[in-house]
PDB file of N, CA and C in Angstrom:
ATOM      1  N   UNK A   1       1.039  -1.229   0.348  1.00  0.00           N
ATOM      2  CA  UNK A   1       0.292   0.071  -0.113  1.00  0.00           C
ATOM      3  C   UNK A   1       0.780   1.302  -0.007  1.00  0.00           C
ATOM      4  N   UNK A   2       0.846   2.335  -1.022  1.00  0.00           N
ATOM      5  CA  UNK A   2       1.170   3.564  -1.088  1.00  0.00           C
ATOM      6  C   UNK A   2       0.538   4.432   0.106  1.00  0.00           C
ATOM      7  N   UNK A   3       1.834   5.382   0.442  1.00  0.00           N
ATOM      8  CA  UNK A   3       1.050   6.277   1.108  1.00  0.00           C
ATOM      9  C   UNK A   3      -0.416   7.410   0.913  1.00  0.00           C
ATOM     10  N   UNK A   4      -0.291   7.498  -0.168  1.00  0.00           N
ATOM     11  CA  UNK A   4      -1.198   8.437  -0.911  1.00  0.00           C
ATOM     12  C   UNK A   4      -2.751   7.150  -0.989  1.00  0.00           C
ATOM     13  N   UNK A   5      -2.612   6.152  -0.708  1.00  0.00           N
ATOM     14  CA  UNK A   5      -3.953   5.313  -0.662  1.00  0.00           C
ATOM     15  C   UNK A   5      -4.331   5.246   0.794  1.00  0.00           C
ATOM     16  N   UNK A   6      -3.147   5.271   1.828  1.00  0.00           N
ATOM     17  CA  UNK A   6      -3.627   5.113   3.520  1.00  0.00           C
ATOM     18  C   UNK A   6      -4.247   6.783   3.262  1.00  0.00           C
ATOM     19  N   UNK A   7      -3.915   7.676   2.829  1.00  0.00           N
ATOM     20  CA  UNK A   7      -4.393   9.200   3.190  1.00  0.00           C
ATOM     21  C   UNK A   7      -5.762   9.296   2.312  1.00  0.00           C
ATOM     22  N   UNK A   8      -5.971   8.729   1.197  1.00  0.00           N
ATOM     23  CA  UNK A   8      -7.424   8.465   0.804  1.00  0.00           C
ATOM     24  C   UNK A   8      -8.200   8.141   1.444  1.00  0.00           C
ATOM     25  N   UNK A   9      -7.936   7.064   2.323  1.00  0.00           N
ATOM     26  CA  UNK A   9      -8.296   5.986   3.144  1.00  0.00           C
ATOM     27  C   UNK A   9      -9.056   6.556   4.505  1.00  0.00           C
ATOM     28  N   UNK A  10      -8.304   7.553   5.015  1.00  0.00           N
ATOM     29  CA  UNK A  10      -8.293   8.243   6.289  1.00  0.00           C
ATOM     30  C   UNK A  10      -8.691   9.533   6.151  1.00  0.00           C
ATOM     31  N   UNK A  11      -9.016   9.914   4.479  1.00  0.00           N
ATOM     32  CA  UNK A  11      -8.689  11.782   4.765  1.00  0.00           C
ATOM     33  C   UNK A  11     -10.194  12.501   6.121  1.00  0.00           C
ATOM     34  N   UNK A  12     -11.349  11.452   5.776  1.00  0.00           N
ATOM     35  CA  UNK A  12     -12.190  12.015   6.557  1.00  0.00           C
ATOM     36  C   UNK A  12     -11.778  12.334   7.960  1.00  0.00           C
ATOM     37  N   UNK A  13     -10.983  11.281   8.321  1.00  0.00           N
ATOM     38  CA  UNK A  13     -10.928  11.145   9.705  1.00  0.00           C
ATOM     39  C   UNK A  13      -9.682  12.075  10.276  1.00  0.00           C
ATOM     40  N   UNK A  14      -8.927  12.253   9.133  1.00  0.00           N
ATOM     41  CA  UNK A  14      -7.455  13.372   9.409  1.00  0.00           C
ATOM     42  C   UNK A  14      -8.210  14.809   9.332  1.00  0.00           C
ATOM     43  N   UNK A  15      -9.186  14.799   8.279  1.00  0.00           N
ATOM     44  CA  UNK A  15      -9.422  16.220   8.378  1.00  0.00           C
ATOM     45  C   UNK A  15     -10.289  16.453   9.688  1.00  0.00           C
ATOM     46  N   UNK A  16     -11.113  15.689  10.729  1.00  0.00           N
ATOM     47  CA  UNK A  16     -11.769  16.060  11.469  1.00  0.00           C
ATOM     48  C   UNK A  16     -10.564  16.328  12.233  1.00  0.00           C
ATOM     49  N   UNK A  17      -9.722  15.209  12.554  1.00  0.00           N
ATOM     50  CA  UNK A  17      -9.055  15.525  13.694  1.00  0.00           C
ATOM     51  C   UNK A  17      -8.073  16.803  13.414  1.00  0.00           C
ATOM     52  N   UNK A  18      -7.790  17.044  12.558  1.00  0.00           N
ATOM     53  CA  UNK A  18      -7.184  18.573  12.010  1.00  0.00           C
ATOM     54  C   UNK A  18      -7.885  19.671  12.556  1.00  0.00           C
ATOM     55  N   UNK A  19      -9.334  19.782  12.006  1.00  0.00           N
ATOM     56  CA  UNK A  19     -10.272  20.862  12.437  1.00  0.00           C
ATOM     57  C   UNK A  19     -10.115  21.061  13.929  1.00  0.00           C
ATOM     58  N   UNK A  20      -9.909  19.649  15.010  1.00  0.00           N
ATOM     59  CA  UNK A  20     -10.055  20.371  16.559  1.00  0.00           C
ATOM     60  C   UNK A  20      -8.831  19.721  16.768  1.00  0.00           C
ATOM     61  N   UNK A  21      -7.859  19.994  16.009  1.00  0.00           N
ATOM     62  CA  UNK A  21      -6.366  20.169  16.830  1.00  0.00           C
ATOM     63  C   UNK A  21      -5.963  18.908  17.316  1.00  0.00           C
ATOM     64  N   UNK A  22      -6.127  17.880  17.263  1.00  0.00           N
ATOM     65  CA  UNK A  22      -5.996  16.399  17.600  1.00  0.00           C
ATOM     66  C   UNK A  22      -4.538  16.131  16.648  1.00  0.00           C
ATOM     67  N   UNK A  23      -3.781  16.024  17.552  1.00  0.00           N
ATOM     68  CA  UNK A  23      -2.311  15.420  16.769  1.00  0.00           C
ATOM     69  C   UNK A  23      -2.529  14.128  15.912  1.00  0.00           C
ATOM     70  N   UNK A  24      -1.681  13.813  15.235  1.00  0.00           N
ATOM     71  CA  UNK A  24      -1.025  12.710  14.803  1.00  0.00           C
ATOM     72  C   UNK A  24      -0.935  11.472  15.863  1.00  0.00           C
ATOM     73  N   UNK A  25      -0.049  11.914  16.304  1.00  0.00           N
ATOM     74  CA  UNK A  25       0.046  10.739  17.248  1.00  0.00           C
ATOM     75  C   UNK A  25      -0.546  10.553  18.495  1.00  0.00           C
ATOM     76  N   UNK A  26      -1.626  11.544  18.640  1.00  0.00           N
ATOM     77  CA  UNK A  26      -1.951  11.351  19.905  1.00  0.00           C
ATOM     78  C   UNK A  26      -2.684  10.087  20.448  1.00  0.00           C
ATOM     79  N   UNK A  27      -2.515   9.153  19.445  1.00  0.00           N
ATOM     80  CA  UNK A  27      -3.241   8.076  19.394  1.00  0.00           C
ATOM     81  C   UNK A  27      -2.682   6.905  20.467  1.00  0.00           C
ATOM     82  N   UNK A  28      -1.030   7.127  20.730  1.00  0.00           N
ATOM     83  CA  UNK A  28      -0.151   6.683  21.535  1.00  0.00           C
ATOM     84  C   UNK A  28      -0.810   6.720  22.872  1.00  0.00           C
ATOM     85  N   UNK A  29      -1.417   7.990  23.017  1.00  0.00           N
ATOM     86  CA  UNK A  29      -1.746   8.342  24.561  1.00  0.00           C
ATOM     87  C   UNK A  29      -2.961   7.778  24.739  1.00  0.00           C
ATOM     88  N   UNK A  30      -4.018   7.085  24.395  1.00  0.00           N
ATOM     89  CA  UNK A  30      -5.292   6.752  24.576  1.00  0.00           C
ATOM     90  C   UNK A  30      -4.817   5.973  25.859  1.00  0.00           C
ATOM     91  N   UNK A  31      -3.960   5.111  25.810  1.00  0.00           N
ATOM     92  CA  UNK A  31      -3.932   3.774  27.185  1.00  0.00           C
ATOM     93  C   UNK A  31      -3.643   5.199  28.278  1.00  0.00           C
ATOM     94  N   UNK A  32      -2.934   6.010  28.141  1.00  0.00           N
ATOM     95  CA  UNK A  32      -2.580   6.423  29.115  1.00  0.00           C
ATOM     96  C   UNK A  32      -3.416   7.299  29.783  1.00  0.00           C
ATOM     97  N   UNK A  33      -4.245   8.524  28.559  1.00  0.00           N
ATOM     98  CA  UNK A  33      -5.419   8.740  29.101  1.00  0.00           C
ATOM     99  C   UNK A  33      -6.369   7.749  30.140  1.00  0.00           C
ATOM    100  N   UNK A  34      -7.030   6.800  29.211  1.00  0.00           N
ATOM    101  CA  UNK A  34      -8.110   6.109  29.946  1.00  0.00           C
ATOM    102  C   UNK A  34      -7.253   5.528  31.636  1.00  0.00           C
ATOM    103  N   UNK A  35      -6.032   5.892  31.862  1.00  0.00           N
ATOM    104  CA  UNK A  35      -5.851   5.087  32.843  1.00  0.00           C
ATOM    105  C   UNK A  35      -5.514   6.259  33.783  1.00  0.00           C
ATOM    106  N   UNK A  36      -5.314   7.890  33.353  1.00  0.00           N
ATOM    107  CA  UNK A  36      -5.498   8.677  33.933  1.00  0.00           C
ATOM    108  C   UNK A  36      -7.179   9.061  34.297  1.00  0.00           C
ATOM    109  N   UNK A  37      -8.047   8.830  33.455  1.00  0.00           N
ATOM    110  CA  UNK A  37      -9.344   8.984  34.284  1.00  0.00           C
ATOM    111  C   UNK A  37      -9.743   8.072  35.377  1.00  0.00           C
ATOM    112  N   UNK A  38      -9.125   6.631  35.237  1.00  0.00           N
ATOM    113  CA  UNK A  38      -9.468   5.625  36.257  1.00  0.00           C
ATOM    114  C   UNK A  38      -8.646   5.931  37.555  1.00  0.00           C
ATOM    115  N   UNK A  39      -7.720   6.853  37.456  1.00  0.00           N
ATOM    116  CA  UNK A  39      -6.996   7.069  38.545  1.00  0.00           C
ATOM    117  C   UNK A  39      -7.759   8.071  39.320  1.00  0.00           C
ATOM    118  N   UNK A  40      -8.192   9.030  38.577  1.00  0.00           N
ATOM    119  CA  UNK A  40      -9.009  10.523  38.981  1.00  0.00           C
ATOM    120  C   UNK A  40     -10.557   9.577  39.462  1.00  0.00           C
ATOM    121  N   UNK A  41     -10.973   9.031  39.107  1.00  0.00           N
ATOM    122  CA  UNK A  41     -12.567   8.105  39.199  1.00  0.00           C
ATOM    123  C   UNK A  41     -12.150   7.355  40.999  1.00  0.00           C
ATOM    124  N   UNK A  42     -11.056   7.115  41.009  1.00  0.00           N
ATOM    125  CA  UNK A  42     -10.422   6.569  42.455  1.00  0.00           C
ATOM    126  C   UNK A  42     -10.552   7.776  43.778  1.00  0.00           C
ATOM    127  N   UNK A  43     -10.420   9.136  43.661  1.00  0.00           N
ATOM    128  CA  UNK A  43     -10.117   9.883  43.574  1.00  0.00           C
ATOM    129  C   UNK A  43      -8.699  10.399  44.033  1.00  0.00           C
ATOM    130  N   UNK A  44      -7.725  10.046  43.165  1.00  0.00           N
ATOM    131  CA  UNK A  44      -6.192  10.322  43.368  1.00  0.00           C
ATOM    132  C   UNK A  44      -6.109  11.659  42.303  1.00  0.00           C
ATOM    133  N   UNK A  45      -5.455  12.520  43.237  1.00  0.00           N
ATOM    134  CA  UNK A  45      -5.126  14.139  42.764  1.00  0.00           C
ATOM    135  C   UNK A  45      -4.496  13.895  41.619  1.00  0.00           C
ATOM    136  N   UNK A  46      -4.665  15.050  41.153  1.00  0.00           N
ATOM    137  CA  UNK A  46      -4.561  15.519  39.668  1.00  0.00           C
ATOM    138  C   UNK A  46      -2.625  15.221  39.664  1.00  0.00           C
ATOM    139  N   UNK A  47      -1.693  16.185  40.311  1.00  0.00           N
ATOM    140  CA  UNK A  47      -0.658  15.627  40.318  1.00  0.00           C
ATOM    141  C   UNK A  47       0.089  14.726  40.476  1.00  0.00           C
ATOM    142  N   UNK A  48      -0.619  14.024  41.555  1.00  0.00           N
ATOM    143  CA  UNK A  48       0.139  12.069  42.129  1.00  0.00           C
ATOM    144  C   UNK A  48      -0.173  11.537  40.242  1.00  0.00           C
ATOM    145  N   UNK A  49      -1.748  12.108  39.396  1.00  0.00           N
ATOM    146  CA  UNK A  49      -1.835  11.065  38.711  1.00  0.00           C
ATOM    147  C   UNK A  49      -0.654  11.483  37.754  1.00  0.00           C
ATOM    148  N   UNK A  50      -0.345  12.550  37.357  1.00  0.00           N
ATOM    149  CA  UNK A  50       0.473  13.101  36.255  1.00  0.00           C
ATOM    150  C   UNK A  50       1.852  12.563  36.647  1.00  0.00           C
ATOM    151  N   UNK A  51       2.255  12.260  38.000  1.00  0.00           N
ATOM    152  CA  UNK A  51       3.695  12.378  37.901  1.00  0.00           C
ATOM    153  C   UNK A  51       3.663  10.877  38.140  1.00  0.00           C
ATOM    154  N   UNK A  52       2.584   9.956  38.375  1.00  0.00           N
ATOM    155  CA  UNK A  52       2.787   8.399  38.515  1.00  0.00           C
ATOM    156  C   UNK A  52       2.984   7.862  36.901  1.00  0.00           C
ATOM    157  N   UNK A  53       2.010   9.052  35.876  1.00  0.00           N
ATOM    158  CA  UNK A  53       2.025   8.680  34.312  1.00  0.00           C
ATOM    159  C   UNK A  53       3.105   8.497  33.866  1.00  0.00           C
ATOM    160  N   UNK A  54       3.965   9.522  34.102  1.00  0.00           N
ATOM    161  CA  UNK A  54       5.215  10.386  33.669  1.00  0.00           C
ATOM    162  C   UNK A  54       5.886   9.417  33.545  1.00  0.00           C
ATOM    163  N   UNK A  55       6.450   8.528  35.363  1.00  0.00           N
ATOM    164  CA  UNK A  55       6.878   7.405  35.412  1.00  0.00           C
ATOM    165  C   UNK A  55       6.935   6.303  34.514  1.00  0.00           C
ATOM    166  N   UNK A  56       5.666   5.998  35.002  1.00  0.00           N
ATOM    167  CA  UNK A  56       5.252   4.748  33.868  1.00  0.00           C
ATOM    168  C   UNK A  56       5.485   4.603  32.767  1.00  0.00           C
ATOM    169  N   UNK A  57       4.954   5.760  31.715  1.00  0.00           N
ATOM    170  CA  UNK A  57       4.964   5.905  30.421  1.00  0.00           C
ATOM    171  C   UNK A  57       6.431   6.169  29.293  1.00  0.00           C
ATOM    172  N   UNK A  58       7.372   6.689  30.837  1.00  0.00           N
ATOM    173  CA  UNK A  58       8.741   7.366  30.407  1.00  0.00           C
ATOM    174  C   UNK A  58       8.549   8.671  29.419  1.00  0.00           C
ATOM    175  N   UNK A  59       8.026   9.810  29.969  1.00  0.00           N
ATOM    176  CA  UNK A  59       7.577  11.006  29.545  1.00  0.00           C
ATOM    177  C   UNK A  59       7.426  11.901  30.514  1.00  0.00           C
ATOM    178  N   UNK A  60       7.697  13.343  29.803  1.00  0.00           N
ATOM    179  CA  UNK A  60       7.924  14.572  31.167  1.00  0.00           C
ATOM    180  C   UNK A  60       6.771  14.736  31.369  1.00  0.00           C
ATOM    181  N   UNK A  61       6.383  15.236  32.604  1.00  0.00           N
ATOM    182  CA  UNK A  61       5.324  15.404  33.185  1.00  0.00           C
ATOM    183  C   UNK A  61       4.546  16.539  31.849  1.00  0.00           C
ATOM    184  N   UNK A  62       5.108  17.478  31.277  1.00  0.00           N
ATOM    185  CA  UNK A  62       4.460  18.447  30.733  1.00  0.00           C
ATOM    186  C   UNK A  62       3.809  17.620  29.231  1.00  0.00           C
ATOM    187  N   UNK A  63       4.485  16.832  28.754  1.00  0.00           N
ATOM    188  CA  UNK A  63       4.197  15.765  27.789  1.00  0.00           C
ATOM    189  C   UNK A  63       2.830  15.076  28.467  1.00  0.00           C
ATOM    190  N   UNK A  64       2.545  14.282  29.466  1.00  0.00           N
ATOM    191  CA  UNK A  64       1.142  13.587  30.027  1.00  0.00           C
ATOM    192  C   UNK A  64       0.308  15.148  30.404  1.00  0.00           C
ATOM    193  N   UNK A  65       0.527  16.048  30.866  1.00  0.00           N
ATOM    194  CA  UNK A  65      -0.406  17.260  30.960  1.00  0.00           C
ATOM    195  C   UNK A  65      -0.758  17.449  29.995  1.00  0.00           C
ATOM    196  N   UNK A  66       0.378  17.786  28.663  1.00  0.00           N
ATOM    197  CA  UNK A  66      -0.270  18.437  27.327  1.00  0.00           C
ATOM    198  C   UNK A  66      -1.391  17.272  26.888  1.00  0.00           C
ATOM    199  N   UNK A  67      -1.043  15.866  26.816  1.00  0.00           N
ATOM    200  CA  UNK A  67      -1.562  15.302  25.994  1.00  0.00           C
ATOM    201  C   UNK A  67      -3.014  14.859  26.843  1.00  0.00           C
ATOM    202  N   UNK A  68      -3.260  14.907  27.841  1.00  0.00           N
ATOM    203  CA  UNK A  68      -4.492  14.727  28.596  1.00  0.00           C
ATOM    204  C   UNK A  68      -5.183  15.948  28.507  1.00  0.00           C
ATOM    205  N   UNK A  69      -4.555  17.233  28.563  1.00  0.00           N
ATOM    206  CA  UNK A  69      -5.595  18.708  27.892  1.00  0.00           C
ATOM    207  C   UNK A  69      -6.223  18.398  26.660  1.00  0.00           C
ATOM    208  N   UNK A  70      -5.554  17.584  25.860  1.00  0.00           N
ATOM    209  CA  UNK A  70      -5.556  17.535  24.116  1.00  0.00           C
ATOM    210  C   UNK A  70      -6.466  16.643  24.437  1.00  0.00           C
ATOM    211  N   UNK A  71      -7.251  15.327  24.628  1.00  0.00           N
ATOM    212  CA  UNK A  71      -8.053  14.400  24.823  1.00  0.00           C
ATOM    213  C   UNK A  71      -9.120  14.477  25.605  1.00  0.00           C
ATOM    214  N   UNK A  72      -9.035  15.629  26.615  1.00  0.00           N
ATOM    215  CA  UNK A  72     -10.190  16.013  27.169  1.00  0.00           C
ATOM    216  C   UNK A  72     -10.863  16.981  26.860  1.00  0.00           C
ATOM    217  N   UNK A  73     -10.439  17.492  25.778  1.00  0.00           N
ATOM    218  CA  UNK A  73     -11.458  18.511  24.887  1.00  0.00           C
ATOM    219  C   UNK A  73     -12.420  17.804  24.551  1.00  0.00           C
ATOM    220  N   UNK A  74     -13.881  18.970  24.360  1.00  0.00           N
ATOM    221  CA  UNK A  74     -14.699  18.306  23.382  1.00  0.00           C
ATOM    222  C   UNK A  74     -14.777  18.477  22.159  1.00  0.00           C
ATOM    223  N   UNK A  75     -15.026  18.288  21.458  1.00  0.00           N
ATOM    224  CA  UNK A  75     -14.908  18.548  20.135  1.00  0.00           C
ATOM    225  C   UNK A  75     -16.156  18.611  19.465  1.00  0.00           C
TER     226      UNK A  75
END
């Protein structure tokens, strides 16, 4: 499959993602976001969630915060 074929197949989803400022690599953060939601539902404070996820996923706290902010927005 060529890249152009993949873009054609995904064009509507890509347009929608672009319109709502969802980054192309945000798919990687979906499991982390679901874990964040679960932690918050258990009453764990925001900062504790961020630091735990940062350590677990080996990414910076700022990256975790940005990803959670983007994935939390209404579209």
